[in-house]
C-alpha atoms as a PDB file:
ATOM      1  CA  MET A   1      -4.320 -18.076  -3.274  1.00  0.00           C
ATOM      2  CA  LEU A   2      -6.596 -16.974  -6.105  1.00  0.00           C
ATOM      3  CA  ILE A   3      -8.898 -14.849  -3.933  1.00  0.00           C
ATOM      4  CA  PRO A   4      -6.185 -12.538  -2.516  1.00  0.00           C
ATOM      5  CA  ILE A   5      -4.683 -12.160  -6.003  1.00  0.00           C
ATOM      6  CA  LEU A   6      -8.081 -11.086  -7.351  1.00  0.00           C
ATOM      7  CA  ILE A   7      -8.562  -8.650  -4.466  1.00  0.00           C
ATOM      8  CA  LEU A   8      -5.125  -7.131  -5.112  1.00  0.00           C
ATOM      9  CA  PHE A   9      -5.968  -6.898  -8.811  1.00  0.00           C
ATOM     10  CA  PHE A  10      -9.308  -5.167  -8.390  1.00  0.00           C
ATOM     11  CA  GLY A  11      -7.950  -2.508  -6.003  1.00  0.00           C
ATOM     12  CA  PRO A  12      -5.793  -0.684  -8.584  1.00  0.00           C
ATOM     13  CA  PHE A  13      -8.159  -1.704 -11.386  1.00  0.00           C
ATOM     14  CA  ILE A  14     -11.030   0.168  -9.727  1.00  0.00           C
ATOM     15  CA  GLY A  15      -8.795   3.225  -9.318  1.00  0.00           C
ATOM     16  CA  VAL A  16      -7.988   3.216 -13.050  1.00  0.00           C
ATOM     17  CA  LEU A  17     -11.654   2.731 -13.989  1.00  0.00           C
ATOM     18  CA  LEU A  18     -12.697   5.672 -11.824  1.00  0.00           C
ATOM     19  CA  ASN A  19     -10.549   7.958 -13.933  1.00  0.00           C
ATOM     20  CA  ILE A  20     -10.841   6.462 -17.432  1.00  0.00           C
ATOM     21  CA  PHE A  21     -14.497   5.510 -17.630  1.00  0.00           C
ATOM     22  CA  LEU A  22     -16.307   7.393 -14.891  1.00  0.00           C
ATOM     23  CA  LYS A  23     -14.189  10.527 -15.347  1.00  0.00           C
ATOM     24  CA  VAL A  24     -14.127  11.022 -11.594  1.00  0.00           C
ATOM     25  CA  LYS A  25     -11.927  13.969 -10.696  1.00  0.00           C
ATOM     26  CA  THR A  26      -9.941  14.438  -7.515  1.00  0.00           C
ATOM     27  CA  ASN A  27     -12.729  14.928  -5.013  1.00  0.00           C
ATOM     28  CA  LYS A  28     -13.884  14.146  -1.501  1.00  0.00           C
ATOM     29  CA  PHE A  29     -14.441  10.474  -2.302  1.00  0.00           C
ATOM     30  CA  ILE A  30     -10.829   9.933  -3.320  1.00  0.00           C
ATOM     31  CA  GLY A  31      -9.571  12.001  -0.375  1.00  0.00           C
ATOM     32  CA  LEU A  32     -11.621  10.000   2.117  1.00  0.00           C
ATOM     33  CA  THR A  33     -10.525   6.713   0.524  1.00  0.00           C
ATOM     34  CA  VAL A  34      -6.901   7.815   0.941  1.00  0.00           C
ATOM     35  CA  LEU A  35      -7.534   8.643   4.603  1.00  0.00           C
ATOM     36  CA  PHE A  36      -9.298   5.349   5.336  1.00  0.00           C
ATOM     37  CA  SER A  37      -6.571   3.323   3.626  1.00  0.00           C
ATOM     38  CA  GLY A  38      -3.911   5.186   5.618  1.00  0.00           C
ATOM     39  CA  ALA A  39      -5.635   4.480   8.929  1.00  0.00           C
ATOM     40  CA  PHE A  40      -6.184   0.860   7.912  1.00  0.00           C
ATOM     41  CA  LEU A  41      -2.500   0.368   7.015  1.00  0.00           C
ATOM     42  CA  MET A  42      -1.505   1.988  10.315  1.00  0.00           C
ATOM     43  CA  GLY A  43      -3.699  -0.490  12.163  1.00  0.00           C
ATOM     44  CA  ILE A  44      -2.314  -3.458  10.205  1.00  0.00           C
ATOM     45  CA  SER A  45       1.199  -2.356  11.168  1.00  0.00           C
ATOM     46  CA  LEU A  46       0.418  -1.692  14.852  1.00  0.00           C
ATOM     47  CA  PHE A  47      -1.973  -4.576  15.534  1.00  0.00           C
ATOM     48  CA  GLY A  48      -0.664  -7.197  13.115  1.00  0.00           C
ATOM     49  CA  LEU A  49       2.830  -6.904  11.668  1.00  0.00           C
ATOM     50  CA  MET A  50       4.685  -5.308  14.594  1.00  0.00           C
ATOM     51  CA  PRO A  51       3.379  -7.671  17.327  1.00  0.00           C
ATOM     52  CA  GLU A  52       4.357 -10.630  15.128  1.00  0.00           C
ATOM     53  CA  LEU A  53       7.829  -9.212  14.622  1.00  0.00           C
ATOM     54  CA  TYR A  54       8.430  -8.571  18.320  1.00  0.00           C
ATOM     55  CA  GLU A  55       6.943 -11.900  19.390  1.00  0.00           C
ATOM     56  CA  HIS A  56       8.796 -14.198  16.987  1.00  0.00           C
ATOM     57  CA  GLY A  57      12.022 -12.332  16.291  1.00  0.00           C
ATOM     58  CA  ASP A  58      14.881 -10.381  17.819  1.00  0.00           C
ATOM     59  CA  ILE A  59      13.410  -7.191  19.290  1.00  0.00           C
ATOM     60  CA  ALA A  60      16.427  -4.983  18.598  1.00  0.00           C
ATOM     61  CA  GLN A  61      16.737  -6.286  15.034  1.00  0.00           C
ATOM     62  CA  ALA A  62      13.028  -5.706  14.426  1.00  0.00           C
ATOM     63  CA  GLY A  63      13.329  -2.109  15.596  1.00  0.00           C
ATOM     64  CA  ILE A  64      16.322  -1.431  13.377  1.00  0.00           C
ATOM     65  CA  TRP A  65      14.654  -2.786  10.243  1.00  0.00           C
ATOM     66  CA  LEU A  66      11.434  -0.923  11.043  1.00  0.00           C
ATOM     67  CA  VAL A  67      13.432   2.303  11.027  1.00  0.00           C
ATOM     68  CA  VAL A  68      15.156   1.254   7.783  1.00  0.00           C
ATOM     69  CA  GLY A  69      11.748   0.685   6.200  1.00  0.00           C
ATOM     70  CA  PHE A  70      10.474   4.033   7.431  1.00  0.00           C
ATOM     71  CA  PHE A  71      13.360   5.933   5.838  1.00  0.00           C
ATOM     72  CA  PHE A  72      13.380   3.730   2.736  1.00  0.00           C
ATOM     73  CA  GLN A  73       9.851   4.964   2.037  1.00  0.00           C
ATOM     74  CA  ILE A  74      11.074   8.562   2.352  1.00  0.00           C
ATOM     75  CA  VAL A  75      13.766   7.867  -0.259  1.00  0.00           C
ATOM     76  CA  LEU A  76      11.276   6.063  -2.511  1.00  0.00           C
ATOM     77  CA  GLU A  77       8.998   9.090  -2.432  1.00  0.00           C
ATOM     78  CA  LYS A  78      11.720  11.108  -4.141  1.00  0.00           C
ATOM     79  CA  PHE A  79      10.805   9.045  -7.199  1.00  0.00           C
ATOM     80  CA  THR A  80       7.031   9.051  -6.698  1.00  0.00           C
ATOM     81  CA  GLY A  81       6.331  12.471  -5.183  1.00  0.00           C
ATOM     82  CA  GLY A  82       3.967  10.873  -2.681  1.00  0.00           C
ATOM     83  CA  LEU A  83       1.732   9.606  -5.490  1.00  0.00           C
ATOM     84  CA  GLY A  84       1.751   6.185  -3.876  1.00  0.00           C
ATOM     85  CA  HIS A  85      -0.486   7.710  -1.215  1.00  0.00           C
ATOM     86  CA  GLY A  86      -2.972   8.857  -3.835  1.00  0.00           C
ATOM     87  CA  HIS A  87      -1.941  12.489  -3.379  1.00  0.00           C
ATOM     88  CA  ILE A  88      -1.094  14.726  -6.299  1.00  0.00           C
ATOM     89  CA  HIS A  89       1.438  17.323  -5.188  1.00  0.00           C
ATOM     90  CA  LYS A  90       2.384  18.804  -8.549  1.00  0.00           C
ATOM     91  CA  GLU A  91       5.542  20.448  -7.244  1.00  0.00           C
ATOM     92  CA  ASP A  92       6.822  17.099  -5.943  1.00  0.00           C
ATOM     93  CA  ILE A  93       5.925  14.867  -8.908  1.00  0.00           C
ATOM     94  CA  PRO A  94       8.961  13.855 -11.038  1.00  0.00           C
ATOM     95  CA  LYS A  95       8.876  15.366 -14.527  1.00  0.00           C
ATOM     96  CA  ASP A  96      10.082  12.132 -16.109  1.00  0.00           C
ATOM     97  CA  ALA A  97       7.016   9.887 -16.411  1.00  0.00           C
ATOM     98  CA  LEU A  98       9.130   6.716 -16.547  1.00  0.00           C
ATOM     99  CA  VAL A  99      10.900   7.621 -13.288  1.00  0.00           C
ATOM    100  CA  LEU A 100       7.480   8.134 -11.710  1.00  0.00           C
ATOM    101  CA  PHE A 101       6.172   4.842 -13.097  1.00  0.00           C
ATOM    102  CA  VAL A 102       9.214   2.829 -11.972  1.00  0.00           C
ATOM    103  CA  GLY A 103       9.004   4.324  -8.480  1.00  0.00           C
ATOM    104  CA  LEU A 104       5.337   3.418  -8.147  1.00  0.00           C
ATOM    105  CA  PHE A 105       6.006  -0.011  -9.677  1.00  0.00           C
ATOM    106  CA  VAL A 106       8.557  -0.741  -6.931  1.00  0.00           C
ATOM    107  CA  HIS A 107       6.145   0.630  -4.313  1.00  0.00           C
ATOM    108  CA  ALA A 108       3.281  -1.624  -5.477  1.00  0.00           C
ATOM    109  CA  LEU A 109       5.545  -4.659  -5.945  1.00  0.00           C
ATOM    110  CA  LEU A 110       6.831  -4.405  -2.364  1.00  0.00           C
ATOM    111  CA  GLU A 111       3.308  -4.048  -0.999  1.00  0.00           C
ATOM    112  CA  GLY A 112       2.218  -7.166  -2.849  1.00  0.00           C
ATOM    113  CA  TYR A 113       5.358  -8.999  -1.780  1.00  0.00           C
ATOM    114  CA  SER A 114       4.678  -8.174   1.871  1.00  0.00           C
ATOM    115  CA  ALA A 115       1.195  -9.680   1.553  1.00  0.00           C
ATOM    116  CA  GLY A 116       2.691 -12.803  -0.013  1.00  0.00           C
ATOM    117  CA  VAL A 117       5.221 -13.124   2.813  1.00  0.00           C
ATOM    118  CA  SER A 118       2.449 -12.737   5.414  1.00  0.00           C
ATOM    119  CA  SER A 119       0.394 -15.349   3.576  1.00  0.00           C
ATOM    120  CA  TYR A 120       3.207 -17.845   4.004  1.00  0.00           C
ATOM    121  CA  LEU A 121       4.340 -16.950   7.531  1.00  0.00           C
ATOM    122  CA  ASN A 122       0.929 -16.290   9.070  1.00  0.00           C
ATOM    123  CA  PRO A 123      -2.100 -17.035   6.874  1.00  0.00           C
ATOM    124  CA  GLY A 124      -4.428 -15.580   9.515  1.00  0.00           C
ATOM    125  CA  LEU A 125      -3.147 -12.052   8.914  1.00  0.00           C
ATOM    126  CA  LEU A 126      -3.636 -12.316   5.182  1.00  0.00           C
ATOM    127  CA  SER A 127      -7.155 -10.957   4.786  1.00  0.00           C
ATOM    128  CA  GLY A 128      -6.555  -7.723   6.658  1.00  0.00           C
ATOM    129  CA  LEU A 129      -3.261  -6.962   4.939  1.00  0.00           C
ATOM    130  CA  VAL A 130      -4.556  -7.803   1.468  1.00  0.00           C
ATOM    131  CA  ILE A 131      -7.694  -5.707   1.884  1.00  0.00           C
ATOM    132  CA  GLY A 132      -5.702  -2.805   3.307  1.00  0.00           C
ATOM    133  CA  ILE A 133      -3.267  -2.837   0.377  1.00  0.00           C
ATOM    134  CA  ALA A 134      -6.090  -3.181  -2.158  1.00  0.00           C
ATOM    135  CA  ILE A 135      -7.916  -0.183  -0.690  1.00  0.00           C
ATOM    136  CA  HIS A 136      -4.669   1.764  -0.583  1.00  0.00           C
ATOM    137  CA  GLU A 137      -4.057   1.053  -4.278  1.00  0.00           C
ATOM    138  CA  ILE A 138      -7.402   2.564  -5.384  1.00  0.00           C
ATOM    139  CA  PRO A 139      -6.362   6.221  -4.896  1.00  0.00           C
ATOM    140  CA  ALA A 140      -2.755   5.441  -5.900  1.00  0.00           C
ATOM    141  CA  SER A 141      -3.738   3.987  -9.287  1.00  0.00           C
ATOM    142  CA  PHE A 142      -6.351   6.711  -9.731  1.00  0.00           C
ATOM    143  CA  ALA A 143      -3.719   9.425  -9.313  1.00  0.00           C
ATOM    144  CA  LEU A 144      -1.262   7.567 -11.559  1.00  0.00           C
ATOM    145  CA  SER A 145      -3.828   7.220 -14.344  1.00  0.00           C
ATOM    146  CA  ILE A 146      -4.516  10.972 -14.224  1.00  0.00           C
ATOM    147  CA  LEU A 147      -0.841  11.902 -14.554  1.00  0.00           C
ATOM    148  CA  LEU A 148       0.002   9.296 -17.191  1.00  0.00           C
ATOM    149  CA  GLY A 149      -3.107  10.321 -19.131  1.00  0.00           C
ATOM    150  CA  ASN A 150      -1.780  13.889 -19.223  1.00  0.00           C
ATOM    151  CA  ARG A 151       1.686  12.808 -20.369  1.00  0.00           C
ATOM    152  CA  PHE A 152       0.922   9.997 -22.833  1.00  0.00           C
ATOM    153  CA  LYS A 153      -1.556  10.851 -25.553  1.00  0.00           C
ATOM    154  CA  ASN A 154      -0.929   7.517 -27.273  1.00  0.00           C
ATOM    155  CA  LYS A 155      -3.670   5.288 -25.834  1.00  0.00           C
ATOM    156  CA  LYS A 156      -1.743   2.056 -26.449  1.00  0.00           C
ATOM    157  CA  ILE A 157       1.200   3.252 -24.372  1.00  0.00           C
ATOM    158  CA  LEU A 158      -1.093   4.678 -21.691  1.00  0.00           C
ATOM    159  CA  TYR A 159      -3.240   1.566 -21.317  1.00  0.00           C
ATOM    160  CA  GLY A 160      -0.180  -0.676 -21.542  1.00  0.00           C
ATOM    161  CA  LEU A 161       1.509   1.076 -18.616  1.00  0.00           C
ATOM    162  CA  LEU A 162      -1.701   1.080 -16.573  1.00  0.00           C
ATOM    163  CA  PHE A 163      -2.251  -2.620 -17.297  1.00  0.00           C
ATOM    164  CA  ILE A 164       1.266  -3.403 -16.082  1.00  0.00           C
ATOM    165  CA  TYR A 165       0.669  -1.370 -12.930  1.00  0.00           C
ATOM    166  CA  VAL A 166      -2.636  -3.103 -12.181  1.00  0.00           C
ATOM    167  CA  LEU A 167      -0.837  -6.468 -12.335  1.00  0.00           C
ATOM    168  CA  THR A 168       2.108  -5.340 -10.201  1.00  0.00           C
ATOM    169  CA  THR A 169       0.650  -5.921  -6.729  1.00  0.00           C
ATOM    170  CA  PRO A 170      -0.735  -9.400  -7.575  1.00  0.00           C
ATOM    171  CA  LEU A 171       2.669 -10.191  -9.117  1.00  0.00           C
ATOM    172  CA  GLY A 172       4.419  -9.128  -5.914  1.00  0.00           C
ATOM    173  CA  TYR A 173       2.047 -11.302  -3.872  1.00  0.00           C
ATOM    174  CA  SER A 174       2.681 -14.339  -6.071  1.00  0.00           C
ATOM    175  CA  LEU A 175       6.423 -13.728  -5.922  1.00  0.00           C
ATOM    176  CA  GLY A 176       6.453 -13.455  -2.133  1.00  0.00           C
ATOM    177  CA  THR A 177       4.409 -16.626  -1.700  1.00  0.00           C
ATOM    178  CA  PHE A 178       6.415 -18.627  -4.260  1.00  0.00           C
ATOM    179  CA  LEU A 179       9.868 -17.677  -2.943  1.00  0.00           C
ATOM    180  CA  HIS A 180       8.954 -18.682   0.581  1.00  0.00           C
ATOM    181  CA  LYS A 181       7.155 -21.910  -0.307  1.00  0.00           C
ATOM    182  CA  GLN A 182      10.198 -22.992  -2.302  1.00  0.00           C
ATOM    183  CA  ASN A 183      12.518 -22.013   0.575  1.00  0.00           C
ATOM    184  CA  ILE A 184      14.421 -19.706  -1.760  1.00  0.00           C
ATOM    185  CA  VAL A 185      14.275 -16.971   0.885  1.00  0.00           C
ATOM    186  CA  SER A 186      15.381 -17.766   4.446  1.00  0.00           C
ATOM    187  CA  ASN A 187      13.172 -17.138   7.476  1.00  0.00           C
ATOM    188  CA  ASN A 188      15.604 -14.491   8.725  1.00  0.00           C
ATOM    189  CA  LEU A 189      15.408 -12.618   5.427  1.00  0.00           C
ATOM    190  CA  SER A 190      11.618 -12.927   5.566  1.00  0.00           C
ATOM    191  CA  PHE A 191      11.720 -11.374   9.033  1.00  0.00           C
ATOM    192  CA  ILE A 192      13.834  -8.469   7.740  1.00  0.00           C
ATOM    193  CA  ILE A 193      11.586  -7.902   4.713  1.00  0.00           C
ATOM    194  CA  THR A 194       8.450  -7.950   6.873  1.00  0.00           C
ATOM    195  CA  ALA A 195       9.994  -5.416   9.283  1.00  0.00           C
ATOM    196  CA  ILE A 196      11.001  -3.130   6.413  1.00  0.00           C
ATOM    197  CA  ILE A 197       7.505  -3.319   4.918  1.00  0.00           C
ATOM    198  CA  ALA A 198       5.957  -2.556   8.326  1.00  0.00           C
ATOM    199  CA  GLY A 199       8.226   0.496   8.513  1.00  0.00           C
ATOM    200  CA  THR A 200       7.123   1.684   5.059  1.00  0.00           C
ATOM    201  CA  PHE A 201       3.482   1.224   6.072  1.00  0.00           C
ATOM    202  CA  LEU A 202       4.058   3.313   9.193  1.00  0.00           C
ATOM    203  CA  HIS A 203       5.510   6.140   7.120  1.00  0.00           C
ATOM    204  CA  ILE A 204       2.750   5.957   4.517  1.00  0.00           C
ATOM    205  CA  SER A 205      -0.043   5.820   7.087  1.00  0.00           C
ATOM    206  CA  THR A 206       1.272   8.550   9.386  1.00  0.00           C
ATOM    207  CA  THR A 207       1.931  10.828   6.412  1.00  0.00           C
ATOM    208  CA  ILE A 208      -1.621  10.356   5.141  1.00  0.00           C
ATOM    209  CA  VAL A 209      -3.272  10.788   8.540  1.00  0.00           C
ATOM    210  CA  PHE A 210      -1.270  13.803   9.692  1.00  0.00           C
ATOM    211  CA  GLU A 211      -1.399  15.542   6.298  1.00  0.00           C
ATOM    212  CA  SER A 212      -5.166  15.764   6.649  1.00  0.00           C
ATOM    213  CA  SER A 213      -6.800  18.888   8.055  1.00  0.00           C
ATOM    214  CA  LEU A 214      -8.209  17.208  11.141  1.00  0.00           C
ATOM    215  CA  TRP A 215      -9.048  20.412  13.005  1.00  0.00           C
ATOM    216  CA  LYS A 216     -10.900  22.223  10.225  1.00  0.00           C
ATOM    217  CA  LYS A 217     -14.487  22.115   8.978  1.00  0.00           C
ATOM    218  CA  GLU A 218     -14.607  18.415   8.049  1.00  0.00           C
ATOM    219  CA  GLY A 219     -12.427  17.354  10.956  1.00  0.00           C
ATOM    220  CA  LEU A 220     -15.077  15.256  12.720  1.00  0.00           C
ATOM    221  CA  LYS A 221     -15.822  13.224   9.602  1.00  0.00           C
ATOM    222  CA  LYS A 222     -12.110  12.595   9.062  1.00  0.00           C
ATOM    223  CA  TRP A 223     -11.587  11.542  12.667  1.00  0.00           C
ATOM    224  CA  LEU A 224     -14.470   9.066  12.341  1.00  0.00           C
ATOM    225  CA  ILE A 225     -12.928   7.615   9.177  1.00  0.00           C
ATOM    226  CA  ILE A 226      -9.539   7.266  10.889  1.00  0.00           C
ATOM    227  CA  PHE A 227     -11.046   5.492  13.889  1.00  0.00           C
ATOM    228  CA  ALA A 228     -13.120   3.279  11.570  1.00  0.00           C
ATOM    229  CA  GLY A 229      -9.992   2.250   9.666  1.00  0.00           C
ATOM    230  CA  LEU A 230      -8.125   1.495  12.904  1.00  0.00           C
ATOM    231  CA  LEU A 231     -11.065  -0.400  14.403  1.00  0.00           C
ATOM    232  CA  ILE A 232     -11.649  -2.568  11.325  1.00  0.00           C
ATOM    233  CA  SER A 233      -7.931  -3.332  11.015  1.00  0.00           C
ATOM    234  CA  PHE A 234      -7.871  -4.309  14.713  1.00  0.00           C
ATOM    235  CA  PHE A 235     -10.666  -6.843  14.284  1.00  0.00           C
ATOM    236  CA  ALA A 236      -9.114  -8.126  11.052  1.00  0.00           C
ATOM    237  CA  CYS A 237      -5.830  -8.776  12.893  1.00  0.00           C
ATOM    238  CA  GLU A 238      -7.606 -10.324  15.881  1.00  0.00           C
ATOM    239  CA  LEU A 239      -9.440 -12.750  13.601  1.00  0.00           C
ATOM    240  CA  GLY A 240      -6.080 -13.565  12.056  1.00  0.00           C
ATOM    241  CA  HIS A 241      -4.501 -14.292  15.439  1.00  0.00           C
ATOM    242  CA  GLN A 242      -7.360 -16.669  16.292  1.00  0.00           C
ATOM    243  CA  HIS A 243      -6.503 -18.734  13.213  1.00  0.00           C
END
């Protein structure tokens, strides 16, 4: 349990370090990381989460909750402005920094929780999902640290909020694992939560992939990154199924 928690910690931690210490600005590296994480999450949903849902649960119910998750992510983005993807669309970002932070906190907590649920229900899928979420959190925390740095000049407040955010995904993972090991959450509720999370991942990943300029100058490089993310996620899920 310690290894996935550390992986989920270092994902957002690296994103914060990139901004605070290395002073990396929004550049091609961050953009390509966003694209890879989106393709990876798409693969985890298509090759891992969705087959499990349709194999072990009610097909109609799985479809309904997938759709709920998809539209839940759309609603959640009203509070994050898409920052959870690692994008900075200034016109969409909420002006209230606390609203932004709470929205991203919920986003990261649910991602961690989904990994914790998968850890309990199907340990074989854990590595791919955890790695995908950790990679996804690098550009998300990077973008958050930029915006919070612009809005909070008090370093104690700034670093305090960033520290809380870095711990959010590992907290969600621990919560998901604990609740299911203690049988506090029923298997049916676990099924619903997993379907909702898969739906949110589908929205996140498709938004990231289709927002990219795939037919312009750097299109070939972006296509290669997308296929790499899908291919790696496929093998990660296949290794999980073999366990």
